[in-house]
């Protein structure tokens, strides 16, 4: 019984990583581009780095909402035996 519970927790954590990876990746990519632009232009405004990352992450989350929902739905059906 403990190994089954451990497998379910492992699967839930892997699903969390799978679902969050594209959103975090978008934030990382936009942050890298903004950092390069700030280094080139020597503009060190903190909001200039923060706002585009948030906007990009929200847009990616909205675009992937259907896929994220289906992944969580499949996992929930497996968890609750539906």
Protein backbone atom coordinates (compact mmCIF):
# COMPACT_ATOMS: atom_id res chain seq x y z
CA UNK A 1 0.00 0.00 0.00
CA UNK A 2 2.83 2.41 0.78
CA UNK A 3 4.49 1.84 -2.57
CA UNK A 4 1.21 2.60 -4.35
CA UNK A 5 0.83 5.86 -2.43
CA UNK A 6 4.43 6.76 -3.17
CA UNK A 7 3.86 6.09 -6.87
CA UNK A 8 0.79 8.36 -6.86
CA UNK A 9 2.70 11.17 -5.16
CA UNK A 10 5.55 10.75 -7.64
CA UNK A 11 3.10 10.88 -10.55
CA UNK A 12 1.46 14.01 -9.12
CA UNK A 13 4.83 15.74 -8.77
CA UNK A 14 5.83 14.77 -12.30
CA UNK A 15 2.53 16.14 -13.62
CA UNK A 16 3.16 19.38 -11.73
CA UNK A 17 6.59 19.68 -13.34
CA UNK A 18 5.20 18.86 -16.78
CA UNK A 19 2.40 21.42 -16.52
CA UNK A 20 4.51 24.21 -15.06
CA UNK A 21 7.58 23.77 -17.28
CA UNK A 22 6.29 25.69 -20.34
CA UNK A 23 5.13 28.61 -18.19
CA UNK A 24 8.39 28.80 -16.28
CA UNK A 25 10.35 28.36 -19.51
CA UNK A 26 8.59 31.35 -21.04
CA UNK A 27 9.46 33.45 -18.00
CA UNK A 28 13.06 32.30 -18.18
CA UNK A 29 13.35 33.06 -21.90
CA UNK A 30 11.79 36.52 -21.61
CA UNK A 31 13.95 37.27 -18.57
CA UNK A 32 17.06 36.30 -20.48
CA UNK A 33 16.15 38.51 -23.45
CA UNK A 34 15.31 41.46 -21.18
CA UNK A 35 18.59 40.99 -19.27
CA UNK A 36 20.55 41.03 -22.51
CA UNK A 37 18.74 44.18 -23.64
CA UNK A 38 19.41 45.83 -20.29
CA UNK A 39 23.09 44.92 -20.49
CA UNK A 40 23.39 46.30 -24.01
CA UNK A 41 21.48 49.52 -23.31
CA UNK A 42 22.69 49.88 -19.69
CA UNK A 43 19.12 50.55 -18.54
CA UNK A 44 18.76 48.90 -15.13
CA UNK A 45 15.08 49.46 -14.37
CA UNK A 46 13.64 46.60 -12.30
CA UNK A 47 10.06 46.94 -13.56
CA UNK A 48 11.34 46.63 -17.11
CA UNK A 49 12.44 43.08 -16.30
CA UNK A 50 9.49 42.12 -14.10
CA UNK A 51 6.44 43.18 -16.12
CA UNK A 52 7.29 41.45 -19.45
CA UNK A 53 8.04 38.18 -17.62
CA UNK A 54 4.66 38.25 -15.88
CA UNK A 55 2.85 39.11 -19.11
CA UNK A 56 4.61 36.31 -21.02
CA UNK A 57 3.89 33.76 -18.31
CA UNK A 58 0.21 34.71 -18.15
CA UNK A 59 -0.10 34.53 -21.95
CA UNK A 60 1.52 31.09 -22.08
CA UNK A 61 -0.74 29.91 -19.26
CA UNK A 62 -3.81 31.14 -21.14
CA UNK A 63 -2.66 29.54 -24.40
CA UNK A 64 -1.98 26.20 -22.71
CA UNK A 65 -5.07 26.23 -20.49
CA UNK A 66 -6.84 23.52 -22.51
CA UNK A 67 -3.83 21.22 -22.47
CA UNK A 68 -3.22 21.81 -18.77
CA UNK A 69 -6.87 21.09 -18.01
CA UNK A 70 -6.83 17.86 -19.99
CA UNK A 71 -3.63 16.67 -18.28
CA UNK A 72 -5.08 17.34 -14.83
CA UNK A 73 -8.41 15.79 -15.81
CA UNK A 74 -6.76 12.57 -16.99
CA UNK A 75 -4.77 12.40 -13.77
CA UNK A 76 -7.86 13.05 -11.63
CA UNK A 77 -9.80 10.33 -13.44
CA UNK A 78 -6.99 7.89 -12.77
CA UNK A 79 -6.76 8.97 -9.12
CA UNK A 80 -10.46 8.68 -8.34
CA UNK A 81 -11.12 5.63 -10.50
CA UNK A 82 -13.55 7.25 -12.91
